[in-house]
Amino acid sequence: MTGPDPLAGLLAPDGAVLLTVECQEGVVGASSALPELAAAARESGVLTRVARLVSAAHGAGVQVLHAVAERRPDGRGASSNARLFRAAARLPVAQHPGSAAVRIAEPIEVAEEDLVVRRLHGLSPIAGTDVDALLRNLGCRTLVVVGVSANVAVPNAVFDAVNLGYTVVVPSDAIAGVPADYTAAMLRHTLALVATLATTDEVLAHWRTP
């Protein structure tokens, strides 16, 4: 006999929100500032799976929220208190507001009802942004987190969401980082302790239109 499906209650459309993390052209696109990460996201199929999840969420009435990282040309408001920030400032592809680099990457489709939250500072898509207030106003109970990177932004999003009281689901085959074995270790030894891990197909099974 099989027990109750633990995802059934978590993924109900009236209480779940899908958060895509930094799935933007300048990060995972063909002209990425981080080509190794972009290659990992595309060649592993992660970006395609994110697109499938977004499409299914649209069909099932699940709210989609895209978190985008930006940097003003003059650097105002940008963080500089870590090596990552200082390195990002020197990258050949800049994530400038309004540029192609901060558009959501193909094949992910952005629907009219999607929300896009842009940040100019920090490591997290949630801390210091409008995301928490938006989620509460949407009645979110479960946050489904996908995207990049498993090294920094994705775990930041998961930890922040858990600390704020949300239940988190991570489709383990819809996040990417470098190297690939680090992503597997992060999932097994860290994210599994604070989030419910699933596969893209398991999530899709709950969001398919009858």
N, C-alpha and C. Protein backbone atom coordinates (compact mmCIF):
# COMPACT_ATOMS: atom_id res chain seq x y z
N MET A 1 0.84 -1.20 0.00
CA MET A 1 0.00 0.00 0.00
C MET A 1 0.88 1.25 0.00
N THR A 2 0.42 2.27 -0.66
CA THR A 2 1.14 3.53 -0.67
C THR A 2 0.45 4.52 0.24
N GLY A 3 1.26 5.36 0.89
CA GLY A 3 0.70 6.34 1.81
C GLY A 3 0.21 7.56 1.07
N PRO A 4 -0.31 8.53 1.81
CA PRO A 4 -0.80 9.76 1.19
C PRO A 4 0.32 10.52 0.50
N ASP A 5 0.00 11.20 -0.56
CA ASP A 5 0.98 11.97 -1.32
C ASP A 5 1.29 13.26 -0.55
N PRO A 6 2.53 13.44 -0.07
CA PRO A 6 2.84 14.64 0.73
C PRO A 6 2.78 15.93 -0.08
N LEU A 7 2.85 15.82 -1.42
CA LEU A 7 2.82 17.01 -2.25
C LEU A 7 1.40 17.52 -2.51
N ALA A 8 0.43 16.66 -2.31
CA ALA A 8 -0.94 17.00 -2.70
C ALA A 8 -1.41 18.30 -2.03
N GLY A 9 -1.26 18.39 -0.73
CA GLY A 9 -1.69 19.60 -0.04
C GLY A 9 -0.76 20.77 -0.28
N LEU A 10 0.52 20.49 -0.44
CA LEU A 10 1.49 21.57 -0.59
C LEU A 10 1.34 22.32 -1.91
N LEU A 11 0.94 21.62 -2.96
CA LEU A 11 0.94 22.21 -4.30
C LEU A 11 -0.44 22.65 -4.77
N ALA A 12 -1.40 22.70 -3.87
CA ALA A 12 -2.74 23.18 -4.26
C ALA A 12 -2.63 24.58 -4.86
N PRO A 13 -3.22 24.81 -6.02
CA PRO A 13 -3.07 26.09 -6.71
C PRO A 13 -3.46 27.32 -5.90
N ASP A 14 -4.38 27.17 -4.96
CA ASP A 14 -4.81 28.34 -4.20
C ASP A 14 -3.84 28.75 -3.11
N GLY A 15 -2.78 27.93 -2.89
CA GLY A 15 -1.83 28.29 -1.83
C GLY A 15 -0.38 28.19 -2.24
N ALA A 16 -0.13 27.86 -3.51
CA ALA A 16 1.25 27.69 -3.98
C ALA A 16 1.64 28.82 -4.92
N VAL A 17 2.90 29.19 -4.88
CA VAL A 17 3.47 30.16 -5.80
C VAL A 17 4.78 29.58 -6.33
N LEU A 18 5.01 29.75 -7.62
CA LEU A 18 6.24 29.30 -8.25
C LEU A 18 7.19 30.49 -8.38
N LEU A 19 8.38 30.37 -7.79
CA LEU A 19 9.39 31.42 -7.85
C LEU A 19 10.54 30.98 -8.74
N THR A 20 10.78 31.70 -9.83
CA THR A 20 11.96 31.43 -10.65
C THR A 20 13.05 32.40 -10.22
N VAL A 21 14.25 31.88 -10.03
CA VAL A 21 15.36 32.67 -9.50
C VAL A 21 16.40 32.93 -10.57
N GLU A 22 16.58 34.17 -10.93
CA GLU A 22 17.62 34.64 -11.85
C GLU A 22 17.66 33.86 -13.17
N CYS A 23 16.48 33.50 -13.66
CA CYS A 23 16.39 32.82 -14.97
C CYS A 23 16.34 33.89 -16.06
N GLN A 24 17.37 34.69 -16.13
CA GLN A 24 17.43 35.83 -17.03
C GLN A 24 18.53 35.63 -18.06
N GLU A 25 18.40 36.33 -19.19
CA GLU A 25 19.33 36.14 -20.31
C GLU A 25 20.78 36.34 -19.91
N GLY A 26 21.06 37.34 -19.08
CA GLY A 26 22.43 37.63 -18.71
C GLY A 26 23.04 36.65 -17.73
N VAL A 27 22.23 35.70 -17.24
CA VAL A 27 22.73 34.67 -16.32
C VAL A 27 22.70 33.29 -16.96
N VAL A 28 21.58 32.93 -17.58
CA VAL A 28 21.45 31.58 -18.15
C VAL A 28 21.25 31.60 -19.66
N GLY A 29 21.27 32.77 -20.27
CA GLY A 29 21.07 32.87 -21.71
C GLY A 29 22.33 32.64 -22.52
N ALA A 30 22.18 32.77 -23.84
CA ALA A 30 23.30 32.51 -24.75
C ALA A 30 24.44 33.51 -24.55
N SER A 31 24.11 34.74 -24.12
CA SER A 31 25.14 35.75 -23.91
C SER A 31 25.35 36.00 -22.41
N SER A 32 25.39 34.92 -21.65
CA SER A 32 25.50 35.01 -20.20
C SER A 32 26.83 35.61 -19.75
N ALA A 33 26.76 36.34 -18.64
CA ALA A 33 27.98 36.80 -17.98
C ALA A 33 28.67 35.65 -17.27
N LEU A 34 27.94 34.55 -17.08
CA LEU A 34 28.45 33.38 -16.35
C LEU A 34 28.27 32.15 -17.24
N PRO A 35 29.11 32.02 -18.27
CA PRO A 35 28.90 30.96 -19.27
C PRO A 35 28.91 29.55 -18.70
N GLU A 36 29.70 29.29 -17.67
CA GLU A 36 29.73 27.95 -17.08
C GLU A 36 28.39 27.61 -16.42
N LEU A 37 27.83 28.59 -15.72
CA LEU A 37 26.52 28.38 -15.09
C LEU A 37 25.44 28.26 -16.15
N ALA A 38 25.50 29.09 -17.18
CA ALA A 38 24.52 29.02 -18.26
C ALA A 38 24.56 27.66 -18.94
N ALA A 39 25.76 27.15 -19.18
CA ALA A 39 25.90 25.84 -19.81
C ALA A 39 25.31 24.75 -18.92
N ALA A 40 25.56 24.86 -17.62
CA ALA A 40 25.02 23.86 -16.69
C ALA A 40 23.50 23.87 -16.70
N ALA A 41 22.91 25.07 -16.74
CA ALA A 41 21.45 25.17 -16.72
C ALA A 41 20.83 24.65 -18.00
N ARG A 42 21.47 24.90 -19.13
CA ARG A 42 20.90 24.51 -20.42
C ARG A 42 21.20 23.05 -20.76
N GLU A 43 22.45 22.65 -20.63
CA GLU A 43 22.82 21.30 -21.04
C GLU A 43 22.23 20.22 -20.14
N SER A 44 21.96 20.55 -18.90
CA SER A 44 21.35 19.59 -17.98
C SER A 44 19.85 19.48 -18.17
N GLY A 45 19.27 20.41 -18.94
CA GLY A 45 17.82 20.43 -19.11
C GLY A 45 17.08 21.21 -18.05
N VAL A 46 17.82 21.83 -17.12
CA VAL A 46 17.18 22.58 -16.04
C VAL A 46 16.31 23.71 -16.59
N LEU A 47 16.83 24.47 -17.54
CA LEU A 47 16.07 25.60 -18.05
C LEU A 47 14.79 25.14 -18.75
N THR A 48 14.87 24.03 -19.46
CA THR A 48 13.68 23.47 -20.10
C THR A 48 12.66 23.04 -19.06
N ARG A 49 13.13 22.42 -17.98
CA ARG A 49 12.21 21.99 -16.93
C ARG A 49 11.58 23.19 -16.22
N VAL A 50 12.35 24.24 -16.02
CA VAL A 50 11.76 25.46 -15.44
C VAL A 50 10.65 25.98 -16.35
N ALA A 51 10.90 25.98 -17.65
CA ALA A 51 9.88 26.44 -18.61
C ALA A 51 8.63 25.57 -18.53
N ARG A 52 8.81 24.27 -18.39
CA ARG A 52 7.66 23.37 -18.27
C ARG A 52 6.86 23.66 -17.00
N LEU A 53 7.56 23.92 -15.91
CA LEU A 53 6.88 24.22 -14.65
C LEU A 53 6.12 25.54 -14.74
N VAL A 54 6.73 26.54 -15.37
CA VAL A 54 6.06 27.82 -15.53
C VAL A 54 4.81 27.66 -16.38
N SER A 55 4.91 26.93 -17.48
CA SER A 55 3.76 26.71 -18.35
C SER A 55 2.64 25.98 -17.61
N ALA A 56 3.01 24.95 -16.84
CA ALA A 56 2.00 24.21 -16.09
C ALA A 56 1.36 25.07 -15.01
N ALA A 57 2.16 25.91 -14.37
CA ALA A 57 1.61 26.81 -13.35
C ALA A 57 0.60 27.76 -13.98
N HIS A 58 0.92 28.29 -15.15
CA HIS A 58 -0.04 29.16 -15.84
C HIS A 58 -1.36 28.42 -16.10
N GLY A 59 -1.24 27.18 -16.56
CA GLY A 59 -2.43 26.42 -16.88
C GLY A 59 -3.25 26.04 -15.67
N ALA A 60 -2.59 25.85 -14.53
CA ALA A 60 -3.28 25.41 -13.32
C ALA A 60 -3.74 26.55 -12.44
N GLY A 61 -3.41 27.78 -12.82
CA GLY A 61 -3.81 28.91 -11.99
C GLY A 61 -2.90 29.15 -10.82
N VAL A 62 -1.66 28.66 -10.90
CA VAL A 62 -0.66 28.90 -9.85
C VAL A 62 0.08 30.19 -10.19
N GLN A 63 0.18 31.09 -9.22
CA GLN A 63 0.88 32.35 -9.45
C GLN A 63 2.37 32.11 -9.71
N VAL A 64 2.92 32.80 -10.70
CA VAL A 64 4.35 32.72 -11.01
C VAL A 64 4.99 34.06 -10.68
N LEU A 65 6.12 34.01 -10.01
CA LEU A 65 6.87 35.20 -9.65
C LEU A 65 8.31 35.02 -10.12
N HIS A 66 8.82 35.96 -10.89
CA HIS A 66 10.18 35.89 -11.41
C HIS A 66 11.07 36.86 -10.63
N ALA A 67 12.15 36.35 -10.06
CA ALA A 67 13.11 37.19 -9.34
C ALA A 67 14.30 37.46 -10.24
N VAL A 68 14.58 38.75 -10.47
CA VAL A 68 15.63 39.16 -11.40
C VAL A 68 16.66 40.01 -10.65
N ALA A 69 17.93 39.76 -10.92
CA ALA A 69 19.01 40.55 -10.33
C ALA A 69 19.49 41.59 -11.33
N GLU A 70 19.60 42.84 -10.89
CA GLU A 70 20.03 43.92 -11.77
C GLU A 70 21.15 44.73 -11.11
N ARG A 71 21.80 45.55 -11.93
CA ARG A 71 22.82 46.47 -11.43
C ARG A 71 22.77 47.74 -12.26
N ARG A 72 22.60 48.87 -11.62
CA ARG A 72 22.60 50.14 -12.35
C ARG A 72 23.95 50.38 -13.00
N PRO A 73 23.98 51.08 -14.14
CA PRO A 73 25.27 51.38 -14.78
C PRO A 73 26.24 52.13 -13.86
N ASP A 74 25.69 52.98 -12.96
CA ASP A 74 26.57 53.72 -12.05
C ASP A 74 26.83 52.97 -10.75
N GLY A 75 26.25 51.77 -10.62
CA GLY A 75 26.49 50.95 -9.43
C GLY A 75 25.81 51.42 -8.17
N ARG A 76 25.00 52.46 -8.24
CA ARG A 76 24.35 52.97 -7.03
C ARG A 76 23.46 51.91 -6.39
N GLY A 77 23.62 51.78 -5.09
CA GLY A 77 22.81 50.83 -4.33
C GLY A 77 23.28 49.40 -4.38
N ALA A 78 24.27 49.10 -5.23
CA ALA A 78 24.75 47.73 -5.35
C ALA A 78 25.62 47.36 -4.15
N SER A 79 25.56 46.10 -3.76
CA SER A 79 26.40 45.62 -2.67
C SER A 79 27.84 45.46 -3.15
N SER A 80 28.78 45.67 -2.24
CA SER A 80 30.20 45.50 -2.58
C SER A 80 30.98 44.85 -1.46
N ASN A 81 30.24 44.22 -0.53
CA ASN A 81 30.87 43.68 0.67
C ASN A 81 31.21 42.19 0.57
N ALA A 82 31.32 41.67 -0.65
CA ALA A 82 31.71 40.28 -0.85
C ALA A 82 32.42 40.15 -2.20
N ARG A 83 33.28 39.15 -2.31
CA ARG A 83 34.02 38.93 -3.57
C ARG A 83 33.07 38.78 -4.75
N LEU A 84 31.95 38.12 -4.53
CA LEU A 84 31.00 37.88 -5.61
C LEU A 84 30.51 39.18 -6.23
N PHE A 85 30.19 40.15 -5.39
CA PHE A 85 29.69 41.43 -5.90
C PHE A 85 30.77 42.17 -6.68
N ARG A 86 31.99 42.16 -6.15
CA ARG A 86 33.07 42.88 -6.83
C ARG A 86 33.41 42.23 -8.16
N ALA A 87 33.32 40.89 -8.20
CA ALA A 87 33.57 40.20 -9.46
C ALA A 87 32.46 40.49 -10.47
N ALA A 88 31.23 40.54 -10.00
CA ALA A 88 30.09 40.80 -10.90
C ALA A 88 30.21 42.17 -11.56
N ALA A 89 30.77 43.12 -10.82
CA ALA A 89 30.92 44.47 -11.37
C ALA A 89 31.90 44.51 -12.53
N ARG A 90 32.78 43.49 -12.63
CA ARG A 90 33.79 43.47 -13.69
C ARG A 90 33.42 42.56 -14.85
N LEU A 91 32.27 41.88 -14.77
CA LEU A 91 31.89 40.94 -15.82
C LEU A 91 31.57 41.67 -17.13
N PRO A 92 31.85 41.03 -18.26
CA PRO A 92 31.63 41.71 -19.54
C PRO A 92 30.16 41.93 -19.88
N VAL A 93 29.27 41.12 -19.34
CA VAL A 93 27.83 41.30 -19.57
C VAL A 93 27.23 41.89 -18.30
N ALA A 94 26.71 43.10 -18.40
CA ALA A 94 26.15 43.78 -17.24
C ALA A 94 24.64 43.59 -17.18
N GLN A 95 24.14 43.38 -15.98
CA GLN A 95 22.70 43.16 -15.79
C GLN A 95 22.01 44.52 -15.59
N HIS A 96 22.08 45.37 -16.58
CA HIS A 96 21.54 46.72 -16.45
C HIS A 96 20.01 46.72 -16.61
N PRO A 97 19.31 47.51 -15.80
CA PRO A 97 17.86 47.61 -15.94
C PRO A 97 17.46 47.97 -17.37
N GLY A 98 16.46 47.26 -17.88
CA GLY A 98 15.96 47.53 -19.22
C GLY A 98 16.74 46.88 -20.34
N SER A 99 17.86 46.26 -20.04
CA SER A 99 18.68 45.62 -21.07
C SER A 99 18.20 44.21 -21.35
N ALA A 100 18.70 43.64 -22.46
CA ALA A 100 18.35 42.26 -22.80
C ALA A 100 18.80 41.29 -21.73
N ALA A 101 19.85 41.64 -20.99
CA ALA A 101 20.40 40.74 -19.98
C ALA A 101 19.44 40.44 -18.84
N VAL A 102 18.49 41.34 -18.60
CA VAL A 102 17.58 41.13 -17.47
C VAL A 102 16.19 40.66 -17.92
N ARG A 103 16.06 40.30 -19.20
CA ARG A 103 14.81 39.68 -19.66
C ARG A 103 14.81 38.21 -19.26
N ILE A 104 13.61 37.68 -19.00
CA ILE A 104 13.49 36.26 -18.67
C ILE A 104 13.93 35.45 -19.89
N ALA A 105 14.78 34.46 -19.64
CA ALA A 105 15.41 33.71 -20.72
C ALA A 105 14.43 32.74 -21.38
N GLU A 106 14.60 32.56 -22.68
CA GLU A 106 13.86 31.52 -23.39
C GLU A 106 14.38 30.17 -22.95
N PRO A 107 13.53 29.14 -22.92
CA PRO A 107 12.15 29.09 -23.44
C PRO A 107 11.07 29.43 -22.41
N ILE A 108 11.44 30.08 -21.32
CA ILE A 108 10.45 30.42 -20.30
C ILE A 108 9.52 31.50 -20.82
N GLU A 109 8.23 31.28 -20.68
CA GLU A 109 7.24 32.26 -21.13
C GLU A 109 6.72 33.06 -19.94
N VAL A 110 6.69 34.36 -20.11
CA VAL A 110 6.18 35.25 -19.06
C VAL A 110 4.76 35.65 -19.43
N ALA A 111 3.81 35.31 -18.58
CA ALA A 111 2.41 35.64 -18.82
C ALA A 111 2.07 37.00 -18.23
N GLU A 112 0.99 37.56 -18.71
CA GLU A 112 0.57 38.89 -18.23
C GLU A 112 0.34 38.90 -16.74
N GLU A 113 -0.13 37.78 -16.19
CA GLU A 113 -0.43 37.74 -14.76
C GLU A 113 0.79 37.46 -13.89
N ASP A 114 1.93 37.17 -14.50
CA ASP A 114 3.15 36.93 -13.72
C ASP A 114 3.62 38.21 -13.04
N LEU A 115 4.29 38.05 -11.92
CA LEU A 115 4.91 39.18 -11.23
C LEU A 115 6.42 39.08 -11.41
N VAL A 116 7.07 40.22 -11.61
CA VAL A 116 8.53 40.26 -11.75
C VAL A 116 9.07 41.20 -10.68
N VAL A 117 9.95 40.67 -9.84
CA VAL A 117 10.56 41.47 -8.77
C VAL A 117 12.05 41.61 -9.08
N ARG A 118 12.51 42.86 -9.11
CA ARG A 118 13.89 43.15 -9.47
C ARG A 118 14.63 43.70 -8.25
N ARG A 119 15.87 43.27 -8.08
CA ARG A 119 16.65 43.75 -6.95
C ARG A 119 17.99 44.31 -7.43
N LEU A 120 18.48 45.30 -6.71
CA LEU A 120 19.75 45.94 -7.04
C LEU A 120 20.86 45.58 -6.06
N HIS A 121 20.54 44.78 -5.06
CA HIS A 121 21.54 44.53 -4.01
C HIS A 121 21.34 43.14 -3.42
N GLY A 122 22.37 42.68 -2.74
CA GLY A 122 22.25 41.47 -1.93
C GLY A 122 22.29 40.18 -2.71
N LEU A 123 22.18 39.09 -1.96
CA LEU A 123 22.30 37.74 -2.50
C LEU A 123 20.96 37.04 -2.66
N SER A 124 19.95 37.54 -1.98
CA SER A 124 18.69 36.81 -1.91
C SER A 124 17.59 37.44 -2.76
N PRO A 125 16.79 36.61 -3.42
CA PRO A 125 15.62 37.12 -4.14
C PRO A 125 14.51 37.58 -3.21
N ILE A 126 14.63 37.28 -1.91
CA ILE A 126 13.54 37.57 -0.97
C ILE A 126 13.91 38.68 0.02
N ALA A 127 15.03 38.54 0.70
CA ALA A 127 15.42 39.52 1.71
C ALA A 127 15.62 40.90 1.08
N GLY A 128 14.97 41.91 1.62
CA GLY A 128 15.13 43.26 1.14
C GLY A 128 14.37 43.57 -0.14
N THR A 129 13.48 42.67 -0.56
CA THR A 129 12.69 42.89 -1.78
C THR A 129 11.20 42.88 -1.41
N ASP A 130 10.35 43.01 -2.44
CA ASP A 130 8.90 42.99 -2.22
C ASP A 130 8.31 41.58 -2.15
N VAL A 131 9.14 40.57 -2.29
CA VAL A 131 8.61 39.22 -2.46
C VAL A 131 7.75 38.77 -1.29
N ASP A 132 8.20 38.97 -0.06
CA ASP A 132 7.44 38.49 1.09
C ASP A 132 6.06 39.13 1.14
N ALA A 133 5.99 40.44 0.97
CA ALA A 133 4.69 41.11 1.01
C ALA A 133 3.78 40.62 -0.11
N LEU A 134 4.34 40.42 -1.30
CA LEU A 134 3.53 39.92 -2.40
C LEU A 134 3.00 38.53 -2.10
N LEU A 135 3.87 37.66 -1.58
CA LEU A 135 3.44 36.29 -1.27
C LEU A 135 2.31 36.28 -0.24
N ARG A 136 2.42 37.10 0.77
CA ARG A 136 1.37 37.15 1.80
C ARG A 136 0.06 37.67 1.22
N ASN A 137 0.15 38.68 0.38
CA ASN A 137 -1.07 39.20 -0.24
C ASN A 137 -1.70 38.21 -1.20
N LEU A 138 -0.89 37.32 -1.75
CA LEU A 138 -1.38 36.28 -2.65
C LEU A 138 -1.93 35.07 -1.91
N GLY A 139 -1.76 35.04 -0.59
CA GLY A 139 -2.21 33.89 0.19
C GLY A 139 -1.30 32.69 0.06
N CYS A 140 -0.04 32.94 -0.23
CA CYS A 140 0.90 31.83 -0.43
C CYS A 140 1.18 31.09 0.87
N ARG A 141 1.14 29.77 0.79
CA ARG A 141 1.56 28.92 1.89
C ARG A 141 2.78 28.10 1.51
N THR A 142 2.87 27.74 0.23
CA THR A 142 3.98 26.93 -0.27
C THR A 142 4.68 27.67 -1.39
N LEU A 143 6.00 27.81 -1.26
CA LEU A 143 6.79 28.45 -2.30
C LEU A 143 7.60 27.38 -3.02
N VAL A 144 7.42 27.28 -4.32
CA VAL A 144 8.17 26.33 -5.14
C VAL A 144 9.32 27.10 -5.78
N VAL A 145 10.55 26.71 -5.48
CA VAL A 145 11.73 27.47 -5.88
C VAL A 145 12.50 26.74 -6.97
N VAL A 146 12.75 27.43 -8.08
CA VAL A 146 13.51 26.85 -9.19
C VAL A 146 14.48 27.91 -9.72
N GLY A 147 15.49 27.46 -10.47
CA GLY A 147 16.39 28.40 -11.13
C GLY A 147 17.83 28.26 -10.71
N VAL A 148 18.54 29.38 -10.64
CA VAL A 148 19.97 29.37 -10.35
C VAL A 148 20.30 30.47 -9.34
N SER A 149 21.40 30.31 -8.65
CA SER A 149 22.24 29.13 -8.69
C SER A 149 22.12 28.37 -7.39
N ALA A 150 22.41 27.08 -7.48
CA ALA A 150 22.42 26.25 -6.27
C ALA A 150 23.55 26.66 -5.34
N ASN A 151 24.50 27.44 -5.85
CA ASN A 151 25.62 27.89 -5.03
C ASN A 151 25.21 28.99 -4.05
N VAL A 152 24.37 29.94 -4.50
CA VAL A 152 24.10 31.11 -3.67
C VAL A 152 22.62 31.48 -3.62
N ALA A 153 22.04 31.93 -4.73
CA ALA A 153 20.72 32.54 -4.69
C ALA A 153 19.61 31.57 -4.32
N VAL A 154 19.66 30.34 -4.84
CA VAL A 154 18.60 29.38 -4.54
C VAL A 154 18.57 29.02 -3.05
N PRO A 155 19.70 28.61 -2.44
CA PRO A 155 19.63 28.35 -1.00
C PRO A 155 19.24 29.58 -0.19
N ASN A 156 19.69 30.76 -0.61
CA ASN A 156 19.26 31.98 0.08
C ASN A 156 17.75 32.11 0.05
N ALA A 157 17.15 31.88 -1.10
CA ALA A 157 15.70 31.98 -1.22
C ALA A 157 14.99 30.97 -0.34
N VAL A 158 15.51 29.75 -0.32
CA VAL A 158 14.89 28.70 0.50
C VAL A 158 14.98 29.04 1.98
N PHE A 159 16.16 29.43 2.44
CA PHE A 159 16.31 29.77 3.86
C PHE A 159 15.43 30.94 4.26
N ASP A 160 15.42 31.99 3.43
CA ASP A 160 14.61 33.16 3.76
C ASP A 160 13.12 32.80 3.81
N ALA A 161 12.66 31.99 2.85
CA ALA A 161 11.25 31.61 2.83
C ALA A 161 10.88 30.80 4.06
N VAL A 162 11.74 29.86 4.43
CA VAL A 162 11.47 29.05 5.62
C VAL A 162 11.46 29.92 6.87
N ASN A 163 12.42 30.83 6.98
CA ASN A 163 12.46 31.71 8.14
C ASN A 163 11.24 32.61 8.23
N LEU A 164 10.62 32.90 7.09
CA LEU A 164 9.43 33.74 7.08
C LEU A 164 8.14 32.95 7.28
N GLY A 165 8.26 31.63 7.40
CA GLY A 165 7.09 30.81 7.71
C GLY A 165 6.47 30.08 6.55
N TYR A 166 7.04 30.17 5.37
CA TYR A 166 6.51 29.44 4.21
C TYR A 166 7.05 28.02 4.19
N THR A 167 6.27 27.12 3.65
CA THR A 167 6.76 25.78 3.34
C THR A 167 7.36 25.84 1.94
N VAL A 168 8.50 25.20 1.75
CA VAL A 168 9.21 25.29 0.48
C VAL A 168 9.29 23.92 -0.18
N VAL A 169 9.03 23.91 -1.49
CA VAL A 169 9.23 22.72 -2.32
C VAL A 169 10.30 23.07 -3.35
N VAL A 170 11.30 22.22 -3.48
CA VAL A 170 12.36 22.42 -4.48
C VAL A 170 12.34 21.25 -5.45
N PRO A 171 11.95 21.48 -6.71
CA PRO A 171 12.12 20.44 -7.73
C PRO A 171 13.62 20.28 -8.00
N SER A 172 14.18 19.19 -7.54
CA SER A 172 15.64 19.05 -7.51
C SER A 172 16.29 19.03 -8.87
N ASP A 173 15.53 18.70 -9.91
CA ASP A 173 16.08 18.70 -11.26
C ASP A 173 15.78 19.98 -12.01
N ALA A 174 15.33 21.02 -11.28
CA ALA A 174 15.03 22.31 -11.90
C ALA A 174 15.84 23.43 -11.25
N ILE A 175 16.97 23.07 -10.62
CA ILE A 175 17.92 24.06 -10.14
C ILE A 175 19.30 23.65 -10.66
N ALA A 176 20.16 24.64 -10.85
CA ALA A 176 21.50 24.35 -11.37
C ALA A 176 22.54 25.18 -10.64
N GLY A 177 23.75 24.63 -10.58
CA GLY A 177 24.88 25.34 -10.01
C GLY A 177 26.15 24.76 -10.58
N VAL A 178 27.28 25.26 -10.15
CA VAL A 178 28.56 24.73 -10.63
C VAL A 178 29.49 24.51 -9.44
N PRO A 179 30.21 23.38 -9.45
CA PRO A 179 30.05 22.27 -10.39
C PRO A 179 28.78 21.48 -10.10
N ALA A 180 28.44 20.58 -11.01
CA ALA A 180 27.17 19.85 -10.89
C ALA A 180 27.12 19.01 -9.63
N ASP A 181 28.24 18.43 -9.22
CA ASP A 181 28.21 17.59 -8.03
C ASP A 181 27.97 18.41 -6.77
N TYR A 182 28.29 19.70 -6.82
CA TYR A 182 27.99 20.55 -5.67
C TYR A 182 26.49 20.73 -5.52
N THR A 183 25.78 20.86 -6.65
CA THR A 183 24.33 20.98 -6.61
C THR A 183 23.71 19.76 -5.93
N ALA A 184 24.19 18.58 -6.31
CA ALA A 184 23.68 17.35 -5.70
C ALA A 184 23.94 17.33 -4.20
N ALA A 185 25.14 17.76 -3.80
CA ALA A 185 25.48 17.77 -2.39
C ALA A 185 24.64 18.79 -1.62
N MET A 186 24.44 19.96 -2.21
CA MET A 186 23.61 20.98 -1.57
C MET A 186 22.19 20.47 -1.36
N LEU A 187 21.64 19.81 -2.36
CA LEU A 187 20.29 19.26 -2.23
C LEU A 187 20.22 18.22 -1.12
N ARG A 188 21.16 17.31 -1.13
CA ARG A 188 21.09 16.18 -0.20
C ARG A 188 21.38 16.58 1.24
N HIS A 189 22.40 17.41 1.42
CA HIS A 189 22.88 17.66 2.78
C HIS A 189 22.37 18.96 3.39
N THR A 190 21.77 19.84 2.59
CA THR A 190 21.30 21.12 3.13
C THR A 190 19.83 21.35 2.83
N LEU A 191 19.47 21.45 1.56
CA LEU A 191 18.09 21.81 1.24
C LEU A 191 17.09 20.75 1.67
N ALA A 192 17.50 19.48 1.65
CA ALA A 192 16.59 18.41 2.08
C ALA A 192 16.21 18.54 3.55
N LEU A 193 17.01 19.25 4.32
CA LEU A 193 16.73 19.42 5.74
C LEU A 193 15.67 20.47 6.01
N VAL A 194 15.45 21.38 5.04
CA VAL A 194 14.54 22.49 5.28
C VAL A 194 13.41 22.59 4.26
N ALA A 195 13.51 21.84 3.18
CA ALA A 195 12.49 21.91 2.12
C ALA A 195 12.07 20.51 1.72
N THR A 196 10.94 20.41 1.05
CA THR A 196 10.50 19.15 0.46
C THR A 196 11.07 19.06 -0.94
N LEU A 197 11.87 18.02 -1.19
CA LEU A 197 12.45 17.83 -2.51
C LEU A 197 11.52 16.97 -3.35
N ALA A 198 11.40 17.32 -4.62
CA ALA A 198 10.57 16.58 -5.55
C ALA A 198 11.25 16.61 -6.90
N THR A 199 10.63 16.01 -7.89
CA THR A 199 11.10 16.13 -9.26
C THR A 199 10.14 17.03 -10.02
N THR A 200 10.59 17.51 -11.16
CA THR A 200 9.70 18.31 -12.00
C THR A 200 8.44 17.54 -12.36
N ASP A 201 8.60 16.28 -12.74
CA ASP A 201 7.42 15.49 -13.13
C ASP A 201 6.45 15.32 -11.98
N GLU A 202 6.96 15.19 -10.76
CA GLU A 202 6.07 15.04 -9.60
C GLU A 202 5.26 16.32 -9.37
N VAL A 203 5.90 17.46 -9.56
CA VAL A 203 5.17 18.72 -9.42
C VAL A 203 4.17 18.88 -10.56
N LEU A 204 4.60 18.57 -11.78
CA LEU A 204 3.71 18.68 -12.94
C LEU A 204 2.47 17.81 -12.79
N ALA A 205 2.61 16.68 -12.14
CA ALA A 205 1.47 15.78 -11.97
C ALA A 205 0.35 16.45 -11.18
N HIS A 206 0.71 17.41 -10.34
CA HIS A 206 -0.30 18.10 -9.53
C HIS A 206 -0.82 19.36 -10.21
N TRP A 207 -0.12 19.81 -11.24
CA TRP A 207 -0.53 21.05 -11.91
C TRP A 207 -1.05 20.84 -13.31
N ARG A 208 -1.25 19.59 -13.71
CA ARG A 208 -1.78 19.33 -15.03
C ARG A 208 -3.25 19.71 -15.07
N THR A 209 -3.65 20.35 -16.16
CA THR A 209 -5.05 20.70 -16.35
C THR A 209 -5.85 19.44 -16.65
N PRO A 210 -6.93 19.20 -15.90
CA PRO A 210 -7.73 17.97 -16.13
C PRO A 210 -8.23 17.91 -17.57
